[in-house]
Protein backbone atom coordinates (compact mmCIF):
# COMPACT_ATOMS: atom_id res chain seq x y z
CA MET A 1 -26.05 -6.97 24.40
CA GLY A 2 -23.88 -9.50 22.58
CA GLY A 3 -25.06 -8.18 19.23
CA GLY A 4 -23.89 -4.54 19.91
CA VAL A 5 -20.60 -5.90 20.98
CA LEU A 6 -20.35 -7.89 17.95
CA LEU A 7 -21.40 -4.71 15.88
CA VAL A 8 -18.54 -2.44 17.63
CA ALA A 9 -15.85 -5.20 17.19
CA LEU A 10 -16.88 -5.34 13.36
CA ALA A 11 -16.78 -1.49 13.10
CA ILE A 12 -13.35 -1.52 14.63
CA GLU A 13 -12.01 -4.15 12.20
CA PHE A 14 -13.63 -2.24 9.28
CA LEU A 15 -11.84 0.63 10.47
CA ASP A 16 -8.55 -0.95 10.69
CA GLU A 17 -8.67 -2.40 7.40
CA LEU A 18 -9.59 1.07 6.00
CA VAL A 19 -6.58 2.81 7.28
CA GLY A 20 -4.32 -0.21 6.03
CA GLY A 21 -6.17 0.13 2.66
CA ALA A 22 -5.68 3.91 2.30
CA HIS A 23 -2.11 3.42 3.63
CA GLY A 24 -1.25 1.16 0.55
CA ALA A 25 -3.19 3.66 -1.95
CA ALA A 26 -1.35 6.55 -0.71
CA LEU A 27 2.23 5.02 -1.34
CA PRO A 28 2.48 6.06 -4.92
CA LEU A 29 1.34 9.65 -3.92
CA VAL A 30 4.24 9.58 -1.12
CA ARG A 31 6.58 8.24 -3.61
CA HIS A 32 6.04 11.01 -5.86
CA ASP A 33 5.66 14.09 -3.41
CA LEU A 34 8.83 13.10 -1.80
CA HIS A 35 10.71 11.93 -4.79
CA LEU A 36 11.73 8.65 -3.10
CA SER A 37 12.92 5.38 -4.85
CA TYR A 38 11.18 2.10 -4.47
CA GLY A 39 13.63 0.94 -2.06
CA GLN A 40 13.33 4.10 -0.02
CA LEU A 41 9.60 3.89 -0.09
CA GLY A 42 9.89 0.19 1.10
CA LEU A 43 12.20 1.44 4.00
CA LEU A 44 9.68 3.94 4.84
CA SER A 45 6.81 1.41 5.13
CA ALA A 46 8.66 -1.31 6.60
CA VAL A 47 10.51 0.40 9.77
CA PRO A 48 7.53 1.31 11.84
CA LEU A 49 6.35 -2.39 11.14
CA VAL A 50 9.67 -3.86 12.60
CA ILE A 51 9.97 -1.47 15.19
CA GLY A 52 6.18 -2.39 16.25
CA SER A 53 7.37 -6.17 16.08
CA LEU A 54 10.10 -5.71 18.14
CA VAL A 55 8.41 -3.46 20.82
CA GLU A 56 5.30 -5.66 20.95
CA LEU A 57 6.99 -8.50 22.92
CA PRO A 58 8.12 -6.56 25.99
CA ILE A 59 4.71 -4.51 25.75
CA GLY A 60 3.04 -7.86 26.22
CA VAL A 61 5.20 -9.15 28.77
CA LEU A 62 4.49 -5.94 30.81
CA SER A 63 0.81 -5.88 30.33
CA SER A 64 0.76 -9.69 31.50
CA ALA A 65 2.63 -8.52 34.63
CA GLY A 66 -0.20 -6.28 35.59
CA HIS A 67 1.06 -2.91 34.29
CA ARG A 68 -1.70 -2.46 31.78
CA ARG A 69 -2.76 1.00 33.20
CA THR A 70 0.75 2.32 33.35
CA LEU A 71 1.48 1.14 29.59
CA PHE A 72 -1.97 2.57 28.46
CA LEU A 73 -1.08 5.82 29.92
CA ALA A 74 2.56 5.95 28.52
CA GLY A 75 1.29 5.22 25.21
CA GLY A 76 -1.04 8.25 25.28
CA VAL A 77 1.73 10.34 26.49
CA VAL A 78 4.04 9.11 23.54
CA PHE A 79 1.19 9.63 21.13
CA ALA A 80 0.67 13.28 22.21
CA VAL A 81 4.24 13.78 22.05
CA ALA A 82 4.75 12.31 18.58
CA LEU A 83 1.78 14.58 17.39
CA ALA A 84 3.21 17.60 19.07
CA ALA A 85 6.57 16.94 17.15
CA LEU A 86 4.79 16.65 13.85
CA LEU A 87 2.95 19.74 14.38
CA ILE A 88 6.17 21.57 15.35
CA ALA A 89 7.91 20.03 12.33
CA ALA A 90 5.39 21.27 10.19
CA HIS A 91 5.21 24.72 11.58
CA HIS A 92 8.98 25.47 10.97
CA ALA A 93 9.26 23.59 7.42
CA GLY A 94 6.15 25.40 6.30
CA ASP A 95 3.81 24.35 3.65
CA SER A 96 5.44 24.10 0.18
CA ARG A 97 2.10 24.27 -1.88
CA ARG A 98 1.43 27.84 -0.36
């Protein structure tokens, strides 16, 4: 049992690092496609990290206070709304590569 849990934890860590590495590797392509300066690209990368860091403490306090299930469900709803907004924005903007 312990070996299986360790394998799952290592797989999750691997996928997390893979996503982070893909983000870094994609930055030059994002900069080129969106015609961004290096400063704008830095802001594009830094703003989500700063917001995440600011939100982490209150979420941790609420989680410790016993509101884990509510936070988990709220996170899923926020994620679904964000994906729907991206879908709507992509639909209205159209694909410039067509």
